[in-house]
Amino acid sequence: MSGAKQGGKDMMEKFAIARAWRDTVQLTRQRGLAVLGVFVLVGVIAAVIGFAVLASLFGSFAQFAAGASSQTASALASNIGLFGLAYAVFGLLYIGAYMAAWRVALSPPGTGFGDGLIYGIKACVPVLLAGLLFSVAAAAVFLILMLPFGFATTGLFAGFNNGAGPPASMFLAAFGFVILFLVLFLFVYARLGIAGPLMAARRMINPFRGLAESWRLTRGHSLRLMGYIFLFNLAFFAAYLMIGTIVGLMGVISPTLVYIVMIPVYLLAFVVQITMPAGIYTTLRGHLVDEDLDEIFGEDRAEPDGV
């Protein structure tokens, strides 16, 4: 194991894009079905809750339409409130599914499927609260960035409204803002995008510590990570276009064949998008791609809960 650790230290010097992809493929091959199983289970639970809530809500609407009264109005208001509560539960299920899936993907053999589900339940509330705070901060930063753009283009839009036509500088300003936003997004994702897998691998509950650890672990790798994330999404977009074109031609022959081909492709793409940040995490940890997962995450398994 000492040789593997030494190799890991060498790999920590420079983030290897090819290695991150190999780790992603390995995690998908070894844990893909378990990851997919988490989302299938959570999806069934969400569907049952959603069906029950919607059935009750539509029943209340029908009763209120048939005869408006204080009783039917109260029942309708209660069901609307229940729908809002269900929407919040869906958000928790969505976040919990991701955290559980990452735990299942990164846990050593023998840990068990239930361990990932339990961790997802524990982590979903603090991660949701941290996500709300992060969203507010991101929105504030976005508005601050929009102010200079708004002031710079006010006169340009005024000239356009007077019939002068859109000047080239307006398009350049808009293009520059899009590029700035894309670079900022890639940078933030590169530095904080492995917080979820990192937390799951170490059974962390505190999302702010996870973000801090992600920022520390990705230090010095920003440009390579940004390039990898950009290339990964670009490759996925190109693959979707190519597969969509092929499937469109197949649909002329048989619509059923489209479903037979597209469902497995979509599920595989979904799982890969989940294991991709996990693959980045394993690469940054400096683990060899052909190591056994029990060795890779032996240290992570020793991390205490709730920290």
C-alpha atoms as a PDB file:
ATOM      1  CA  MET A   1       0.000   0.000   0.000  1.00  0.00           C
ATOM      2  CA  SER A   2       2.983   2.294   0.624  1.00  0.00           C
ATOM      3  CA  GLY A   3       3.817   2.256  -3.074  1.00  0.00           C
ATOM      4  CA  ALA A   4       0.249   3.184  -3.900  1.00  0.00           C
ATOM      5  CA  LYS A   5       0.346   6.045  -1.423  1.00  0.00           C
ATOM      6  CA  GLN A   6       3.605   7.281  -2.896  1.00  0.00           C
ATOM      7  CA  GLY A   7       2.084   7.098  -6.358  1.00  0.00           C
ATOM      8  CA  GLY A   8      -0.887   9.036  -5.028  1.00  0.00           C
ATOM      9  CA  LYS A   9       1.395  11.793  -3.739  1.00  0.00           C
ATOM     10  CA  ASP A  10       2.997  12.079  -7.158  1.00  0.00           C
ATOM     11  CA  MET A  11      -0.405  12.325  -8.831  1.00  0.00           C
ATOM     12  CA  MET A  12      -1.479  15.051  -6.403  1.00  0.00           C
ATOM     13  CA  GLU A  13       1.034  17.360  -8.040  1.00  0.00           C
ATOM     14  CA  LYS A  14      -1.068  17.703 -11.176  1.00  0.00           C
ATOM     15  CA  PHE A  15      -4.702  16.822 -11.797  1.00  0.00           C
ATOM     16  CA  ALA A  16      -4.839  14.192 -14.569  1.00  0.00           C
ATOM     17  CA  ILE A  17      -7.927  14.488 -16.782  1.00  0.00           C
ATOM     18  CA  ALA A  18      -7.536  11.006 -18.274  1.00  0.00           C
ATOM     19  CA  ARG A  19      -7.219   9.484 -14.833  1.00  0.00           C
ATOM     20  CA  ALA A  20     -10.316  11.276 -13.561  1.00  0.00           C
ATOM     21  CA  TRP A  21     -12.270   9.831 -16.480  1.00  0.00           C
ATOM     22  CA  ARG A  22     -10.910   6.323 -15.786  1.00  0.00           C
ATOM     23  CA  ASP A  23     -11.964   6.633 -12.147  1.00  0.00           C
ATOM     24  CA  THR A  24     -15.413   7.753 -13.270  1.00  0.00           C
ATOM     25  CA  VAL A  25     -15.721   4.754 -15.592  1.00  0.00           C
ATOM     26  CA  GLN A  26     -14.555   2.381 -12.858  1.00  0.00           C
ATOM     27  CA  LEU A  27     -17.004   3.765 -10.304  1.00  0.00           C
ATOM     28  CA  THR A  28     -19.802   3.560 -12.877  1.00  0.00           C
ATOM     29  CA  ARG A  29     -18.943  -0.042 -13.707  1.00  0.00           C
ATOM     30  CA  GLN A  30     -18.600  -1.174 -10.084  1.00  0.00           C
ATOM     31  CA  ARG A  31     -21.341   0.868  -8.403  1.00  0.00           C
ATOM     32  CA  GLY A  32     -23.569   2.116 -11.237  1.00  0.00           C
ATOM     33  CA  LEU A  33     -26.476  -0.250 -10.537  1.00  0.00           C
ATOM     34  CA  ALA A  34     -26.418   0.582  -6.821  1.00  0.00           C
ATOM     35  CA  VAL A  35     -26.390   4.313  -7.578  1.00  0.00           C
ATOM     36  CA  LEU A  36     -29.300   3.877  -9.952  1.00  0.00           C
ATOM     37  CA  GLY A  37     -31.095   1.789  -7.327  1.00  0.00           C
ATOM     38  CA  VAL A  38     -30.980   4.706  -4.886  1.00  0.00           C
ATOM     39  CA  PHE A  39     -32.752   6.998  -7.328  1.00  0.00           C
ATOM     40  CA  VAL A  40     -35.292   4.342  -8.296  1.00  0.00           C
ATOM     41  CA  LEU A  41     -36.185   3.806  -4.636  1.00  0.00           C
ATOM     42  CA  VAL A  42     -36.403   7.528  -3.905  1.00  0.00           C
ATOM     43  CA  GLY A  43     -38.380   8.046  -7.113  1.00  0.00           C
ATOM     44  CA  VAL A  44     -40.947   5.438  -6.056  1.00  0.00           C
ATOM     45  CA  ILE A  45     -41.294   7.077  -2.627  1.00  0.00           C
ATOM     46  CA  ALA A  46     -41.695  10.518  -4.243  1.00  0.00           C
ATOM     47  CA  ALA A  47     -44.269   9.150  -6.699  1.00  0.00           C
ATOM     48  CA  VAL A  48     -46.365   7.597  -3.914  1.00  0.00           C
ATOM     49  CA  ILE A  49     -46.277  10.812  -1.878  1.00  0.00           C
ATOM     50  CA  GLY A  50     -47.015  12.963  -4.924  1.00  0.00           C
ATOM     51  CA  PHE A  51     -49.931  10.798  -6.055  1.00  0.00           C
ATOM     52  CA  ALA A  52     -51.513  10.822  -2.604  1.00  0.00           C
ATOM     53  CA  VAL A  53     -51.119  14.597  -2.174  1.00  0.00           C
ATOM     54  CA  LEU A  54     -52.371  15.433  -5.682  1.00  0.00           C
ATOM     55  CA  ALA A  55     -55.349  13.099  -5.318  1.00  0.00           C
ATOM     56  CA  SER A  56     -56.318  14.816  -2.067  1.00  0.00           C
ATOM     57  CA  LEU A  57     -55.771  18.271  -3.577  1.00  0.00           C
ATOM     58  CA  PHE A  58     -57.852  17.579  -6.691  1.00  0.00           C
ATOM     59  CA  GLY A  59     -60.581  16.067  -4.519  1.00  0.00           C
ATOM     60  CA  SER A  60     -60.684  19.253  -2.451  1.00  0.00           C
ATOM     61  CA  PHE A  61     -60.911  21.357  -5.631  1.00  0.00           C
ATOM     62  CA  ALA A  62     -63.828  19.218  -6.848  1.00  0.00           C
ATOM     63  CA  GLN A  63     -65.652  19.502  -3.520  1.00  0.00           C
ATOM     64  CA  PHE A  64     -65.123  23.273  -3.408  1.00  0.00           C
ATOM     65  CA  ALA A  65     -66.355  23.662  -7.001  1.00  0.00           C
ATOM     66  CA  ALA A  66     -69.427  21.539  -6.268  1.00  0.00           C
ATOM     67  CA  GLY A  67     -70.421  23.613  -3.264  1.00  0.00           C
ATOM     68  CA  ALA A  68     -68.385  26.413  -1.748  1.00  0.00           C
ATOM     69  CA  SER A  69     -68.573  26.521   2.041  1.00  0.00           C
ATOM     70  CA  SER A  70     -66.342  27.265   4.981  1.00  0.00           C
ATOM     71  CA  GLN A  71     -65.704  23.540   5.397  1.00  0.00           C
ATOM     72  CA  THR A  72     -64.699  22.911   1.780  1.00  0.00           C
ATOM     73  CA  ALA A  73     -62.631  26.120   1.727  1.00  0.00           C
ATOM     74  CA  SER A  74     -60.806  25.015   4.876  1.00  0.00           C
ATOM     75  CA  ALA A  75     -60.158  21.567   3.392  1.00  0.00           C
ATOM     76  CA  LEU A  76     -58.850  23.145   0.171  1.00  0.00           C
ATOM     77  CA  ALA A  77     -56.530  25.487   2.086  1.00  0.00           C
ATOM     78  CA  SER A  78     -55.223  22.563   4.147  1.00  0.00           C
ATOM     79  CA  ASN A  79     -54.472  20.534   1.036  1.00  0.00           C
ATOM     80  CA  ILE A  80     -52.717  23.484  -0.615  1.00  0.00           C
ATOM     81  CA  GLY A  81     -50.536  23.737   2.485  1.00  0.00           C
ATOM     82  CA  LEU A  82     -49.959  19.977   2.325  1.00  0.00           C
ATOM     83  CA  PHE A  83     -48.880  20.343  -1.305  1.00  0.00           C
ATOM     84  CA  GLY A  84     -46.325  22.984  -0.272  1.00  0.00           C
ATOM     85  CA  LEU A  85     -45.038  20.676   2.445  1.00  0.00           C
ATOM     86  CA  ALA A  86     -44.792  17.823  -0.063  1.00  0.00           C
ATOM     87  CA  TYR A  87     -42.792  20.080  -2.384  1.00  0.00           C
ATOM     88  CA  ALA A  88     -40.294  20.683   0.438  1.00  0.00           C
ATOM     89  CA  VAL A  89     -40.149  16.936   1.080  1.00  0.00           C
ATOM     90  CA  PHE A  90     -39.395  16.380  -2.614  1.00  0.00           C
ATOM     91  CA  GLY A  91     -36.449  18.758  -2.274  1.00  0.00           C
ATOM     92  CA  LEU A  92     -35.138  16.793   0.705  1.00  0.00           C
ATOM     93  CA  LEU A  93     -35.608  13.503  -1.151  1.00  0.00           C
ATOM     94  CA  TYR A  94     -33.743  14.881  -4.172  1.00  0.00           C
ATOM     95  CA  ILE A  95     -30.773  16.034  -2.091  1.00  0.00           C
ATOM     96  CA  GLY A  96     -30.826  12.921   0.071  1.00  0.00           C
ATOM     97  CA  ALA A  97     -30.766  10.743  -3.052  1.00  0.00           C
ATOM     98  CA  TYR A  98     -27.611  12.444  -4.324  1.00  0.00           C
ATOM     99  CA  MET A  99     -25.848  12.186  -0.970  1.00  0.00           C
ATOM    100  CA  ALA A 100     -26.913   8.538  -0.587  1.00  0.00           C
ATOM    101  CA  ALA A 101     -25.823   7.740  -4.149  1.00  0.00           C
ATOM    102  CA  TRP A 102     -22.386   9.247  -3.581  1.00  0.00           C
ATOM    103  CA  ARG A 103     -22.076   7.315  -0.321  1.00  0.00           C
ATOM    104  CA  VAL A 104     -23.018   4.074  -2.084  1.00  0.00           C
ATOM    105  CA  ALA A 105     -20.556   4.825  -4.892  1.00  0.00           C
ATOM    106  CA  LEU A 106     -17.668   5.677  -2.579  1.00  0.00           C
ATOM    107  CA  SER A 107     -18.214   3.323   0.337  1.00  0.00           C
ATOM    108  CA  PRO A 108     -15.991   0.238   0.650  1.00  0.00           C
ATOM    109  CA  PRO A 109     -17.359  -3.217  -0.222  1.00  0.00           C
ATOM    110  CA  GLY A 110     -19.475  -4.741   2.507  1.00  0.00           C
ATOM    111  CA  THR A 111     -20.723  -1.433   3.843  1.00  0.00           C
ATOM    112  CA  GLY A 112     -24.228  -2.086   2.551  1.00  0.00           C
ATOM    113  CA  PHE A 113     -26.869  -0.295   0.527  1.00  0.00           C
ATOM    114  CA  GLY A 114     -28.690   0.748   3.701  1.00  0.00           C
ATOM    115  CA  ASP A 115     -25.657   2.637   4.980  1.00  0.00           C
ATOM    116  CA  GLY A 116     -25.911   5.000   2.020  1.00  0.00           C
ATOM    117  CA  LEU A 117     -29.633   5.546   2.555  1.00  0.00           C
ATOM    118  CA  ILE A 118     -29.136   6.271   6.261  1.00  0.00           C
ATOM    119  CA  TYR A 119     -26.382   8.743   5.459  1.00  0.00           C
ATOM    120  CA  GLY A 120     -28.581  10.440   2.844  1.00  0.00           C
ATOM    121  CA  ILE A 121     -31.329  10.898   5.452  1.00  0.00           C
ATOM    122  CA  LYS A 122     -28.866  12.386   7.928  1.00  0.00           C
ATOM    123  CA  ALA A 123     -27.225  14.747   5.439  1.00  0.00           C
ATOM    124  CA  CYS A 124     -30.216  16.014   3.423  1.00  0.00           C
ATOM    125  CA  VAL A 125     -31.455  18.697   5.866  1.00  0.00           C
ATOM    126  CA  PRO A 126     -28.098  20.439   6.560  1.00  0.00           C
ATOM    127  CA  VAL A 127     -27.156  20.239   2.868  1.00  0.00           C
ATOM    128  CA  LEU A 128     -30.510  21.769   1.887  1.00  0.00           C
ATOM    129  CA  LEU A 129     -30.072  24.655   4.339  1.00  0.00           C
ATOM    130  CA  ALA A 130     -26.508  25.263   3.163  1.00  0.00           C
ATOM    131  CA  GLY A 131     -27.715  25.128  -0.440  1.00  0.00           C
ATOM    132  CA  LEU A 132     -30.332  27.799   0.246  1.00  0.00           C
ATOM    133  CA  LEU A 133     -27.722  30.075   1.817  1.00  0.00           C
ATOM    134  CA  PHE A 134     -25.343  29.433  -1.071  1.00  0.00           C
ATOM    135  CA  SER A 135     -28.097  30.206  -3.600  1.00  0.00           C
ATOM    136  CA  VAL A 136     -28.836  33.539  -1.911  1.00  0.00           C
ATOM    137  CA  ALA A 137     -25.125  34.426  -1.944  1.00  0.00           C
ATOM    138  CA  ALA A 138     -24.797  33.372  -5.601  1.00  0.00           C
ATOM    139  CA  ALA A 139     -27.843  35.460  -6.556  1.00  0.00           C
ATOM    140  CA  ALA A 140     -26.331  38.488  -4.800  1.00  0.00           C
ATOM    141  CA  VAL A 141     -23.039  38.035  -6.659  1.00  0.00           C
ATOM    142  CA  PHE A 142     -24.918  37.653  -9.943  1.00  0.00           C
ATOM    143  CA  LEU A 143     -26.821  40.904  -9.360  1.00  0.00           C
ATOM    144  CA  ILE A 144     -23.594  42.714  -8.502  1.00  0.00           C
ATOM    145  CA  LEU A 145     -22.057  41.471 -11.761  1.00  0.00           C
ATOM    146  CA  MET A 146     -25.177  42.515 -13.672  1.00  0.00           C
ATOM    147  CA  LEU A 147     -25.033  46.137 -12.476  1.00  0.00           C
ATOM    148  CA  PRO A 148     -21.996  47.208 -14.551  1.00  0.00           C
ATOM    149  CA  PHE A 149     -23.426  45.391 -17.571  1.00  0.00           C
ATOM    150  CA  GLY A 150     -26.785  47.115 -17.108  1.00  0.00           C
ATOM    151  CA  PHE A 151     -25.244  50.563 -16.821  1.00  0.00           C
ATOM    152  CA  ALA A 152     -22.964  49.936 -19.799  1.00  0.00           C
ATOM    153  CA  THR A 153     -25.807  48.847 -22.066  1.00  0.00           C
ATOM    154  CA  THR A 154     -28.458  51.403 -21.040  1.00  0.00           C
ATOM    155  CA  GLY A 155     -27.414  53.876 -23.694  1.00  0.00           C
ATOM    156  CA  LEU A 156     -27.038  51.134 -26.275  1.00  0.00           C
ATOM    157  CA  PHE A 157     -30.592  49.910 -25.739  1.00  0.00           C
ATOM    158  CA  ALA A 158     -31.871  53.474 -25.809  1.00  0.00           C
ATOM    159  CA  GLY A 159     -30.371  53.921 -29.271  1.00  0.00           C
ATOM    160  CA  PHE A 160     -31.881  50.636 -30.370  1.00  0.00           C
ATOM    161  CA  ASN A 161     -35.338  51.738 -29.205  1.00  0.00           C
ATOM    162  CA  ASN A 162     -35.005  54.942 -31.222  1.00  0.00           C
ATOM    163  CA  GLY A 163     -34.775  52.910 -34.408  1.00  0.00           C
ATOM    164  CA  ALA A 164     -31.000  53.105 -34.797  1.00  0.00           C
ATOM    165  CA  GLY A 165     -30.681  49.310 -34.810  1.00  0.00           C
ATOM    166  CA  PRO A 166     -28.652  47.160 -32.420  1.00  0.00           C
ATOM    167  CA  PRO A 167     -25.006  48.272 -32.379  1.00  0.00           C
ATOM    168  CA  ALA A 168     -22.234  45.706 -32.538  1.00  0.00           C
ATOM    169  CA  SER A 169     -20.969  46.844 -29.142  1.00  0.00           C
ATOM    170  CA  MET A 170     -24.210  45.628 -27.558  1.00  0.00           C
ATOM    171  CA  PHE A 171     -23.620  42.118 -28.861  1.00  0.00           C
ATOM    172  CA  LEU A 172     -19.997  42.249 -27.747  1.00  0.00           C
ATOM    173  CA  ALA A 173     -21.045  43.335 -24.262  1.00  0.00           C
ATOM    174  CA  ALA A 174     -23.614  40.539 -24.046  1.00  0.00           C
ATOM    175  CA  PHE A 175     -21.094  38.000 -25.336  1.00  0.00           C
ATOM    176  CA  GLY A 176     -18.516  39.207 -22.823  1.00  0.00           C
ATOM    177  CA  PHE A 177     -20.996  38.854 -19.981  1.00  0.00           C
ATOM    178  CA  VAL A 178     -21.901  35.300 -21.030  1.00  0.00           C
ATOM    179  CA  ILE A 179     -18.214  34.346 -21.163  1.00  0.00           C
ATOM    180  CA  LEU A 180     -17.615  35.934 -17.742  1.00  0.00           C
ATOM    181  CA  PHE A 181     -20.574  34.073 -16.263  1.00  0.00           C
ATOM    182  CA  LEU A 182     -19.416  30.768 -17.808  1.00  0.00           C
ATOM    183  CA  VAL A 183     -15.871  31.168 -16.475  1.00  0.00           C
ATOM    184  CA  LEU A 184     -17.169  32.107 -13.020  1.00  0.00           C
ATOM    185  CA  PHE A 185     -19.522  29.122 -13.016  1.00  0.00           C
ATOM    186  CA  LEU A 186     -16.757  26.722 -14.076  1.00  0.00           C
ATOM    187  CA  PHE A 187     -14.419  28.119 -11.422  1.00  0.00           C
ATOM    188  CA  VAL A 188     -16.956  27.754  -8.604  1.00  0.00           C
ATOM    189  CA  TYR A 189     -17.923  24.275  -9.774  1.00  0.00           C
ATOM    190  CA  ALA A 190     -14.282  23.253 -10.057  1.00  0.00           C
ATOM    191  CA  ARG A 191     -13.494  24.406  -6.508  1.00  0.00           C
ATOM    192  CA  LEU A 192     -16.688  23.308  -4.744  1.00  0.00           C
ATOM    193  CA  GLY A 193     -18.125  20.593  -7.005  1.00  0.00           C
ATOM    194  CA  ILE A 194     -16.610  17.677  -5.088  1.00  0.00           C
ATOM    195  CA  ALA A 195     -18.030  18.772  -1.725  1.00  0.00           C
ATOM    196  CA  GLY A 196     -20.891  16.270  -2.002  1.00  0.00           C
ATOM    197  CA  PRO A 197     -18.783  13.195  -2.863  1.00  0.00           C
ATOM    198  CA  LEU A 198     -16.177  14.257  -0.300  1.00  0.00           C
ATOM    199  CA  MET A 199     -18.819  14.531   2.428  1.00  0.00           C
ATOM    200  CA  ALA A 200     -20.320  11.178   1.473  1.00  0.00           C
ATOM    201  CA  ALA A 201     -16.974   9.363   1.392  1.00  0.00           C
ATOM    202  CA  ARG A 202     -16.097  10.696   4.840  1.00  0.00           C
ATOM    203  CA  ARG A 203     -19.643  10.519   6.243  1.00  0.00           C
ATOM    204  CA  MET A 204     -19.574  14.258   6.933  1.00  0.00           C
ATOM    205  CA  ILE A 205     -22.766  15.985   8.026  1.00  0.00           C
ATOM    206  CA  ASN A 206     -21.460  19.569   8.181  1.00  0.00           C
ATOM    207  CA  PRO A 207     -21.738  20.941   4.596  1.00  0.00           C
ATOM    208  CA  PHE A 208     -19.617  24.005   5.376  1.00  0.00           C
ATOM    209  CA  ARG A 209     -16.715  21.790   6.354  1.00  0.00           C
ATOM    210  CA  GLY A 210     -17.302  19.847   3.161  1.00  0.00           C
ATOM    211  CA  LEU A 211     -17.117  23.047   1.113  1.00  0.00           C
ATOM    212  CA  ALA A 212     -13.958  24.113   2.933  1.00  0.00           C
ATOM    213  CA  GLU A 213     -12.346  20.715   2.334  1.00  0.00           C
ATOM    214  CA  SER A 214     -13.351  20.819  -1.340  1.00  0.00           C
ATOM    215  CA  TRP A 215     -11.782  24.281  -1.685  1.00  0.00           C
ATOM    216  CA  ARG A 216      -8.588  23.028  -0.018  1.00  0.00           C
ATOM    217  CA  LEU A 217      -8.360  19.808  -2.006  1.00  0.00           C
ATOM    218  CA  THR A 218      -8.845  21.539  -5.372  1.00  0.00           C
ATOM    219  CA  ARG A 219      -6.305  24.290  -4.690  1.00  0.00           C
ATOM    220  CA  GLY A 220      -3.784  24.459  -7.522  1.00  0.00           C
ATOM    221  CA  HIS A 221      -5.959  22.419  -9.889  1.00  0.00           C
ATOM    222  CA  SER A 222      -8.517  25.063 -10.895  1.00  0.00           C
ATOM    223  CA  LEU A 223      -7.619  25.441 -14.581  1.00  0.00           C
ATOM    224  CA  ARG A 224      -7.365  21.705 -15.246  1.00  0.00           C
ATOM    225  CA  LEU A 225     -10.603  21.044 -13.397  1.00  0.00           C
ATOM    226  CA  MET A 226     -12.372  23.802 -15.311  1.00  0.00           C
ATOM    227  CA  GLY A 227     -11.100  22.347 -18.579  1.00  0.00           C
ATOM    228  CA  TYR A 228     -12.178  18.834 -17.601  1.00  0.00           C
ATOM    229  CA  ILE A 229     -15.683  19.951 -16.582  1.00  0.00           C
ATOM    230  CA  PHE A 230     -16.073  21.965 -19.778  1.00  0.00           C
ATOM    231  CA  LEU A 231     -14.845  19.101 -21.994  1.00  0.00           C
ATOM    232  CA  PHE A 232     -17.005  16.590 -20.121  1.00  0.00           C
ATOM    233  CA  ASN A 233     -20.190  18.598 -20.677  1.00  0.00           C
ATOM    234  CA  LEU A 234     -19.214  19.413 -24.271  1.00  0.00           C
ATOM    235  CA  ALA A 235     -18.658  15.708 -24.988  1.00  0.00           C
ATOM    236  CA  PHE A 236     -22.009  14.849 -23.413  1.00  0.00           C
ATOM    237  CA  PHE A 237     -23.751  17.475 -25.522  1.00  0.00           C
ATOM    238  CA  ALA A 238     -22.126  16.159 -28.703  1.00  0.00           C
ATOM    239  CA  ALA A 239     -22.995  12.568 -27.757  1.00  0.00           C
ATOM    240  CA  TYR A 240     -26.621  13.513 -27.147  1.00  0.00           C
ATOM    241  CA  LEU A 241     -26.798  15.175 -30.555  1.00  0.00           C
ATOM    242  CA  MET A 242     -25.240  12.182 -32.299  1.00  0.00           C
ATOM    243  CA  ILE A 243     -27.384   9.622 -30.456  1.00  0.00           C
ATOM    244  CA  GLY A 244     -30.479  11.769 -30.959  1.00  0.00           C
ATOM    245  CA  THR A 245     -29.849  11.855 -34.688  1.00  0.00           C
ATOM    246  CA  ILE A 246     -29.342   8.088 -34.859  1.00  0.00           C
ATOM    247  CA  VAL A 247     -32.404   7.395 -32.717  1.00  0.00           C
ATOM    248  CA  GLY A 248     -34.448   9.782 -34.856  1.00  0.00           C
ATOM    249  CA  LEU A 249     -33.586   7.726 -37.917  1.00  0.00           C
ATOM    250  CA  MET A 250     -34.402   4.542 -36.028  1.00  0.00           C
ATOM    251  CA  GLY A 251     -37.789   5.970 -35.076  1.00  0.00           C
ATOM    252  CA  VAL A 252     -38.780   5.915 -38.721  1.00  0.00           C
ATOM    253  CA  ILE A 253     -38.300   2.142 -38.649  1.00  0.00           C
ATOM    254  CA  SER A 254     -39.811   1.387 -35.226  1.00  0.00           C
ATOM    255  CA  PRO A 255     -40.905   3.756 -32.397  1.00  0.00           C
ATOM    256  CA  THR A 256     -40.525   0.870 -29.935  1.00  0.00           C
ATOM    257  CA  LEU A 257     -36.871   0.548 -30.897  1.00  0.00           C
ATOM    258  CA  VAL A 258     -36.349   4.166 -29.837  1.00  0.00           C
ATOM    259  CA  TYR A 259     -37.406   3.375 -26.276  1.00  0.00           C
ATOM    260  CA  ILE A 260     -35.326   0.197 -26.207  1.00  0.00           C
ATOM    261  CA  VAL A 261     -32.217   2.186 -27.129  1.00  0.00           C
ATOM    262  CA  MET A 262     -32.827   5.509 -25.393  1.00  0.00           C
ATOM    263  CA  ILE A 263     -33.817   4.285 -21.922  1.00  0.00           C
ATOM    264  CA  PRO A 264     -30.517   2.440 -21.231  1.00  0.00           C
ATOM    265  CA  VAL A 265     -28.527   5.299 -22.783  1.00  0.00           C
ATOM    266  CA  TYR A 266     -30.317   7.889 -20.660  1.00  0.00           C
ATOM    267  CA  LEU A 267     -29.875   5.855 -17.469  1.00  0.00           C
ATOM    268  CA  LEU A 268     -26.155   5.336 -18.189  1.00  0.00           C
ATOM    269  CA  ALA A 269     -25.673   9.062 -18.856  1.00  0.00           C
ATOM    270  CA  PHE A 270     -27.530   9.880 -15.633  1.00  0.00           C
ATOM    271  CA  VAL A 271     -25.297   7.598 -13.566  1.00  0.00           C
ATOM    272  CA  VAL A 272     -22.105   8.922 -15.204  1.00  0.00           C
ATOM    273  CA  GLN A 273     -23.106  12.502 -14.363  1.00  0.00           C
ATOM    274  CA  ILE A 274     -23.315  11.417 -10.713  1.00  0.00           C
ATOM    275  CA  THR A 275     -20.073   9.455 -10.638  1.00  0.00           C
ATOM    276  CA  MET A 276     -18.126  12.167 -12.502  1.00  0.00           C
ATOM    277  CA  PRO A 277     -17.559  14.413  -9.435  1.00  0.00           C
ATOM    278  CA  ALA A 278     -16.834  11.274  -7.405  1.00  0.00           C
ATOM    279  CA  GLY A 279     -14.170  10.379  -9.959  1.00  0.00           C
ATOM    280  CA  ILE A 280     -12.655  13.844  -9.582  1.00  0.00           C
ATOM    281  CA  TYR A 281     -12.548  13.307  -5.817  1.00  0.00           C
ATOM    282  CA  THR A 282     -10.781   9.950  -6.057  1.00  0.00           C
ATOM    283  CA  THR A 283      -8.249  11.439  -8.482  1.00  0.00           C
ATOM    284  CA  LEU A 284      -7.501  14.376  -6.213  1.00  0.00           C
ATOM    285  CA  ARG A 285      -7.103  12.022  -3.285  1.00  0.00           C
ATOM    286  CA  GLY A 286      -4.269  10.483  -5.291  1.00  0.00           C
ATOM    287  CA  HIS A 287      -5.626   6.928  -5.447  1.00  0.00           C
ATOM    288  CA  LEU A 288      -4.635   4.559  -8.226  1.00  0.00           C
ATOM    289  CA  VAL A 289      -7.490   3.715 -10.553  1.00  0.00           C
ATOM    290  CA  ASP A 290      -6.953  -0.034 -10.257  1.00  0.00           C
ATOM    291  CA  GLU A 291      -6.855  -0.094  -6.457  1.00  0.00           C
ATOM    292  CA  ASP A 292      -9.520  -2.007  -4.603  1.00  0.00           C
ATOM    293  CA  LEU A 293     -12.256   0.257  -3.277  1.00  0.00           C
ATOM    294  CA  ASP A 294     -11.801  -1.188   0.211  1.00  0.00           C
ATOM    295  CA  GLU A 295      -8.227   0.122   0.218  1.00  0.00           C
ATOM    296  CA  ILE A 296      -9.164   3.422  -1.400  1.00  0.00           C
ATOM    297  CA  PHE A 297     -11.787   4.357   1.154  1.00  0.00           C
ATOM    298  CA  GLY A 298     -10.408   2.647   4.227  1.00  0.00           C
ATOM    299  CA  GLU A 299      -9.313   6.003   5.632  1.00  0.00           C
ATOM    300  CA  ASP A 300     -12.595   7.660   4.739  1.00  0.00           C
ATOM    301  CA  ARG A 301     -14.547   4.943   6.498  1.00  0.00           C
ATOM    302  CA  ALA A 302     -12.644   5.785   9.685  1.00  0.00           C
ATOM    303  CA  GLU A 303     -13.980   9.359   9.682  1.00  0.00           C
ATOM    304  CA  PRO A 304     -16.476   9.909  12.530  1.00  0.00           C
ATOM    305  CA  ASP A 305     -20.117  10.757  11.850  1.00  0.00           C
ATOM    306  CA  GLY A 306     -21.507  14.239  12.251  1.00  0.00           C
ATOM    307  CA  VAL A 307     -18.365  16.259  11.521  1.00  0.00           C
END
